[in-house]
Amino acid sequence: MTTIQILTADQIQQKIRRIAFQVYETNFDEPHVVLAGVAGEGFVLAQRLADELRQIAPFQVTLVQIDLDKSQPAQPDISLPTLPPNYTGVVVIVDDVLYSGRTLAFSLQPFLHVAAGKIQIAVLVNRNHPRYPIAASFIGYELATTLNEHVEVVLSDAEREGVYLR
């Protein structure tokens, strides 16, 4: 199977910085933004996005992790103990790849129990194969792929960091 590197580590960092500026520009008048990263590379992306936002934005950034098992057809209730039920600010759900929208649809579940003022979605790669009514607010890279291809995002291994198409 052929592997093609789509984005290098430097290009990923540029995309993260651009997404950070977009989040800031969209929410510049907010006092607080929660970044909720999907466990795995989505959470690593959220951490790096939080680092960038803390350098450029005056608002407070809170980082939380959404724990779910992407391989399960159904998910148990997901709770976020660090987010108060009366939170009315902005939530940005962060994941590495938007493929069908299924994972991000499950990721919305814990925010149905809070009065978040706005929920946005940030992804590093959007593959454009929607099966669920989920659209990303902030996209690092648009990539048209076939259903048989696989996109792998590596952020947690400095030696292999990149986006790969298999």
C-alpha atoms as a PDB file:
ATOM      1  CA  MET A   1       0.000   0.000   0.000  1.00  0.00           C
ATOM      2  CA  THR A   2       1.400   3.377  -1.019  1.00  0.00           C
ATOM      3  CA  THR A   3       1.726   6.081   1.627  1.00  0.00           C
ATOM      4  CA  ILE A   4       1.847   9.730   0.622  1.00  0.00           C
ATOM      5  CA  GLN A   5       2.712  12.501   3.053  1.00  0.00           C
ATOM      6  CA  ILE A   6       0.131  15.257   2.624  1.00  0.00           C
ATOM      7  CA  LEU A   7       1.343  17.681   5.341  1.00  0.00           C
ATOM      8  CA  THR A   8       4.719  18.007   7.067  1.00  0.00           C
ATOM      9  CA  ALA A   9       5.217  19.019  10.701  1.00  0.00           C
ATOM     10  CA  ASP A  10       5.888  22.636   9.677  1.00  0.00           C
ATOM     11  CA  GLN A  11       2.770  22.742   7.507  1.00  0.00           C
ATOM     12  CA  ILE A  12       0.691  21.304  10.352  1.00  0.00           C
ATOM     13  CA  GLN A  13       1.974  24.022  12.680  1.00  0.00           C
ATOM     14  CA  GLN A  14       1.012  26.671  10.093  1.00  0.00           C
ATOM     15  CA  LYS A  15      -2.490  25.186   9.881  1.00  0.00           C
ATOM     16  CA  ILE A  16      -2.838  25.140  13.677  1.00  0.00           C
ATOM     17  CA  ARG A  17      -1.737  28.773  13.918  1.00  0.00           C
ATOM     18  CA  ARG A  18      -4.190  29.792  11.183  1.00  0.00           C
ATOM     19  CA  ILE A  19      -7.039  27.939  12.918  1.00  0.00           C
ATOM     20  CA  ALA A  20      -6.099  29.692  16.191  1.00  0.00           C
ATOM     21  CA  PHE A  21      -6.388  33.093  14.496  1.00  0.00           C
ATOM     22  CA  GLN A  22      -9.748  32.096  12.995  1.00  0.00           C
ATOM     23  CA  VAL A  23     -11.049  30.994  16.412  1.00  0.00           C
ATOM     24  CA  TYR A  24      -9.817  34.264  17.909  1.00  0.00           C
ATOM     25  CA  GLU A  25     -11.327  36.416  15.137  1.00  0.00           C
ATOM     26  CA  THR A  26     -14.673  34.627  15.398  1.00  0.00           C
ATOM     27  CA  ASN A  27     -14.792  34.843  19.205  1.00  0.00           C
ATOM     28  CA  PHE A  28     -12.803  38.015  19.937  1.00  0.00           C
ATOM     29  CA  ASP A  29     -15.516  39.446  22.205  1.00  0.00           C
ATOM     30  CA  GLU A  30     -15.823  36.319  24.366  1.00  0.00           C
ATOM     31  CA  PRO A  31     -14.261  36.197  27.846  1.00  0.00           C
ATOM     32  CA  HIS A  32     -13.763  32.415  27.751  1.00  0.00           C
ATOM     33  CA  VAL A  33     -13.445  29.619  25.186  1.00  0.00           C
ATOM     34  CA  VAL A  34     -13.463  25.887  25.922  1.00  0.00           C
ATOM     35  CA  LEU A  35     -11.476  23.640  23.580  1.00  0.00           C
ATOM     36  CA  ALA A  36     -12.834  20.098  23.787  1.00  0.00           C
ATOM     37  CA  GLY A  37     -10.457  17.675  22.084  1.00  0.00           C
ATOM     38  CA  VAL A  38     -11.538  14.178  21.062  1.00  0.00           C
ATOM     39  CA  ALA A  39      -9.265  11.661  22.826  1.00  0.00           C
ATOM     40  CA  GLY A  40      -6.196  10.728  20.797  1.00  0.00           C
ATOM     41  CA  GLU A  41      -4.794  12.983  18.098  1.00  0.00           C
ATOM     42  CA  GLY A  42      -7.829  15.274  18.409  1.00  0.00           C
ATOM     43  CA  PHE A  43      -6.860  16.098  21.989  1.00  0.00           C
ATOM     44  CA  VAL A  44      -3.207  16.629  21.001  1.00  0.00           C
ATOM     45  CA  LEU A  45      -4.442  19.024  18.318  1.00  0.00           C
ATOM     46  CA  ALA A  46      -6.598  20.815  20.919  1.00  0.00           C
ATOM     47  CA  GLN A  47      -3.574  21.172  23.225  1.00  0.00           C
ATOM     48  CA  ARG A  48      -1.518  22.734  20.456  1.00  0.00           C
ATOM     49  CA  LEU A  49      -4.398  24.986  19.453  1.00  0.00           C
ATOM     50  CA  ALA A  50      -4.767  26.087  23.089  1.00  0.00           C
ATOM     51  CA  ASP A  51      -1.051  26.946  23.213  1.00  0.00           C
ATOM     52  CA  GLU A  52      -1.425  29.141  20.116  1.00  0.00           C
ATOM     53  CA  LEU A  53      -4.584  30.825  21.407  1.00  0.00           C
ATOM     54  CA  ARG A  54      -2.943  31.650  24.729  1.00  0.00           C
ATOM     55  CA  GLN A  55      -0.249  33.534  22.808  1.00  0.00           C
ATOM     56  CA  ILE A  56      -2.602  35.639  20.682  1.00  0.00           C
ATOM     57  CA  ALA A  57      -6.010  35.911  22.376  1.00  0.00           C
ATOM     58  CA  PRO A  58      -6.954  37.787  25.535  1.00  0.00           C
ATOM     59  CA  PHE A  59      -9.747  35.371  26.483  1.00  0.00           C
ATOM     60  CA  GLN A  60      -9.327  32.486  28.905  1.00  0.00           C
ATOM     61  CA  VAL A  61      -8.856  29.076  27.261  1.00  0.00           C
ATOM     62  CA  THR A  62      -9.928  25.901  29.035  1.00  0.00           C
ATOM     63  CA  LEU A  63      -8.905  22.529  27.638  1.00  0.00           C
ATOM     64  CA  VAL A  64     -11.032  19.415  28.178  1.00  0.00           C
ATOM     65  CA  GLN A  65     -10.835  15.912  26.740  1.00  0.00           C
ATOM     66  CA  ILE A  66     -13.774  14.047  25.234  1.00  0.00           C
ATOM     67  CA  ASP A  67     -13.267  10.356  25.951  1.00  0.00           C
ATOM     68  CA  LEU A  68     -14.999   8.043  23.530  1.00  0.00           C
ATOM     69  CA  ASP A  69     -14.211   4.870  21.652  1.00  0.00           C
ATOM     70  CA  LYS A  70     -14.393   5.635  17.928  1.00  0.00           C
ATOM     71  CA  SER A  71     -14.705   1.926  17.098  1.00  0.00           C
ATOM     72  CA  GLN A  72     -17.962   1.457  19.064  1.00  0.00           C
ATOM     73  CA  PRO A  73     -21.249   1.762  17.137  1.00  0.00           C
ATOM     74  CA  ALA A  74     -22.885   3.447  20.151  1.00  0.00           C
ATOM     75  CA  GLN A  75     -21.386   5.490  22.967  1.00  0.00           C
ATOM     76  CA  PRO A  76     -22.248   5.588  26.662  1.00  0.00           C
ATOM     77  CA  ASP A  77     -22.935   8.967  28.238  1.00  0.00           C
ATOM     78  CA  ILE A  78     -19.881  11.199  28.094  1.00  0.00           C
ATOM     79  CA  SER A  79     -19.330  13.570  30.983  1.00  0.00           C
ATOM     80  CA  LEU A  80     -17.010  16.532  31.273  1.00  0.00           C
ATOM     81  CA  PRO A  81     -16.427  17.116  34.989  1.00  0.00           C
ATOM     82  CA  THR A  82     -14.390  20.286  34.385  1.00  0.00           C
ATOM     83  CA  LEU A  83     -17.232  22.063  32.573  1.00  0.00           C
ATOM     84  CA  PRO A  84     -19.908  23.568  34.847  1.00  0.00           C
ATOM     85  CA  PRO A  85     -23.531  22.836  33.856  1.00  0.00           C
ATOM     86  CA  ASN A  86     -24.262  26.582  33.779  1.00  0.00           C
ATOM     87  CA  TYR A  87     -21.479  27.350  31.259  1.00  0.00           C
ATOM     88  CA  THR A  88     -22.857  29.730  28.614  1.00  0.00           C
ATOM     89  CA  GLY A  89     -19.704  30.514  26.608  1.00  0.00           C
ATOM     90  CA  VAL A  90     -18.129  29.160  23.453  1.00  0.00           C
ATOM     91  CA  VAL A  91     -17.166  25.519  22.999  1.00  0.00           C
ATOM     92  CA  VAL A  92     -14.895  24.453  20.147  1.00  0.00           C
ATOM     93  CA  ILE A  93     -14.870  20.691  19.600  1.00  0.00           C
ATOM     94  CA  VAL A  94     -11.528  19.660  18.094  1.00  0.00           C
ATOM     95  CA  ASP A  95     -10.656  16.490  16.170  1.00  0.00           C
ATOM     96  CA  ASP A  96      -7.919  15.540  13.750  1.00  0.00           C
ATOM     97  CA  VAL A  97     -10.028  14.331  10.796  1.00  0.00           C
ATOM     98  CA  LEU A  98     -13.635  14.923   9.785  1.00  0.00           C
ATOM     99  CA  TYR A  99     -14.673  11.928   7.708  1.00  0.00           C
ATOM    100  CA  SER A 100     -18.338  10.999   8.085  1.00  0.00           C
ATOM    101  CA  GLY A 101     -19.174  13.242  11.044  1.00  0.00           C
ATOM    102  CA  ARG A 102     -20.039  10.289  13.297  1.00  0.00           C
ATOM    103  CA  THR A 103     -17.343  10.903  15.927  1.00  0.00           C
ATOM    104  CA  LEU A 104     -18.135  14.597  16.096  1.00  0.00           C
ATOM    105  CA  ALA A 105     -21.869  13.860  16.375  1.00  0.00           C
ATOM    106  CA  PHE A 106     -21.129  11.688  19.428  1.00  0.00           C
ATOM    107  CA  SER A 107     -18.840  14.438  20.737  1.00  0.00           C
ATOM    108  CA  LEU A 108     -21.757  16.870  20.859  1.00  0.00           C
ATOM    109  CA  GLN A 109     -23.578  14.731  23.442  1.00  0.00           C
ATOM    110  CA  PRO A 110     -22.026  16.143  26.653  1.00  0.00           C
ATOM    111  CA  PHE A 111     -22.743  19.695  25.509  1.00  0.00           C
ATOM    112  CA  LEU A 112     -26.467  19.026  25.268  1.00  0.00           C
ATOM    113  CA  HIS A 113     -26.503  19.234  29.088  1.00  0.00           C
ATOM    114  CA  VAL A 114     -25.017  22.734  29.302  1.00  0.00           C
ATOM    115  CA  ALA A 115     -26.267  26.050  27.994  1.00  0.00           C
ATOM    116  CA  ALA A 116     -23.259  26.722  25.761  1.00  0.00           C
ATOM    117  CA  GLY A 117     -23.752  29.951  23.863  1.00  0.00           C
ATOM    118  CA  LYS A 118     -22.051  28.657  20.736  1.00  0.00           C
ATOM    119  CA  ILE A 119     -20.619  25.302  19.645  1.00  0.00           C
ATOM    120  CA  GLN A 120     -18.061  25.260  16.860  1.00  0.00           C
ATOM    121  CA  ILE A 121     -15.969  22.493  15.313  1.00  0.00           C
ATOM    122  CA  ALA A 122     -12.280  22.638  14.351  1.00  0.00           C
ATOM    123  CA  VAL A 123     -10.540  19.895  12.371  1.00  0.00           C
ATOM    124  CA  LEU A 124      -7.093  19.595  10.875  1.00  0.00           C
ATOM    125  CA  VAL A 125      -8.295  17.616   7.817  1.00  0.00           C
ATOM    126  CA  ASN A 126     -11.771  17.578   6.267  1.00  0.00           C
ATOM    127  CA  ARG A 127     -12.261  14.582   3.941  1.00  0.00           C
ATOM    128  CA  ASN A 128     -15.654  15.691   2.561  1.00  0.00           C
ATOM    129  CA  HIS A 129     -17.634  12.451   3.031  1.00  0.00           C
ATOM    130  CA  PRO A 130     -20.527  13.631   5.229  1.00  0.00           C
ATOM    131  CA  ARG A 131     -22.993  11.023   6.430  1.00  0.00           C
ATOM    132  CA  TYR A 132     -24.055  13.013   9.491  1.00  0.00           C
ATOM    133  CA  PRO A 133     -25.198  16.659   9.516  1.00  0.00           C
ATOM    134  CA  ILE A 134     -21.884  17.917  10.890  1.00  0.00           C
ATOM    135  CA  ALA A 135     -19.886  20.744   9.341  1.00  0.00           C
ATOM    136  CA  ALA A 136     -16.584  22.129  10.570  1.00  0.00           C
ATOM    137  CA  SER A 137     -16.350  25.818  11.451  1.00  0.00           C
ATOM    138  CA  PHE A 138     -12.544  25.828  11.173  1.00  0.00           C
ATOM    139  CA  ILE A 139     -10.623  23.597   8.748  1.00  0.00           C
ATOM    140  CA  GLY A 140      -6.874  23.278   8.367  1.00  0.00           C
ATOM    141  CA  TYR A 141      -6.855  21.326   5.106  1.00  0.00           C
ATOM    142  CA  GLU A 142      -9.569  20.137   2.682  1.00  0.00           C
ATOM    143  CA  LEU A 143      -8.754  16.784   1.118  1.00  0.00           C
ATOM    144  CA  ALA A 144     -10.952  14.979  -1.398  1.00  0.00           C
ATOM    145  CA  THR A 145     -10.443  11.244  -0.928  1.00  0.00           C
ATOM    146  CA  THR A 146     -12.066   8.014  -2.016  1.00  0.00           C
ATOM    147  CA  LEU A 147     -13.952   5.907   0.503  1.00  0.00           C
ATOM    148  CA  ASN A 148     -11.172   3.287   0.376  1.00  0.00           C
ATOM    149  CA  GLU A 149      -8.377   5.705   1.284  1.00  0.00           C
ATOM    150  CA  HIS A 150      -7.308   6.342   4.864  1.00  0.00           C
ATOM    151  CA  VAL A 151      -5.970   9.587   6.315  1.00  0.00           C
ATOM    152  CA  GLU A 152      -3.622   9.242   9.266  1.00  0.00           C
ATOM    153  CA  VAL A 153      -2.713  12.253  11.386  1.00  0.00           C
ATOM    154  CA  VAL A 154       0.395  11.857  13.551  1.00  0.00           C
ATOM    155  CA  LEU A 155       0.903  14.627  16.104  1.00  0.00           C
ATOM    156  CA  SER A 156       2.154  12.753  19.153  1.00  0.00           C
ATOM    157  CA  ASP A 157       5.319  11.306  17.541  1.00  0.00           C
ATOM    158  CA  ALA A 158       7.816  14.090  16.696  1.00  0.00           C
ATOM    159  CA  GLU A 159       9.810  11.853  14.339  1.00  0.00           C
ATOM    160  CA  ARG A 160       6.773  10.884  12.233  1.00  0.00           C
ATOM    161  CA  GLU A 161       4.649  14.018  12.649  1.00  0.00           C
ATOM    162  CA  GLY A 162       2.580  14.619   9.552  1.00  0.00           C
ATOM    163  CA  VAL A 163      -0.628  13.848   7.699  1.00  0.00           C
ATOM    164  CA  TYR A 164      -0.484  10.724   5.554  1.00  0.00           C
ATOM    165  CA  LEU A 165      -2.782   9.311   2.879  1.00  0.00           C
ATOM    166  CA  ARG A 166      -2.838   5.524   2.587  1.00  0.00           C
END
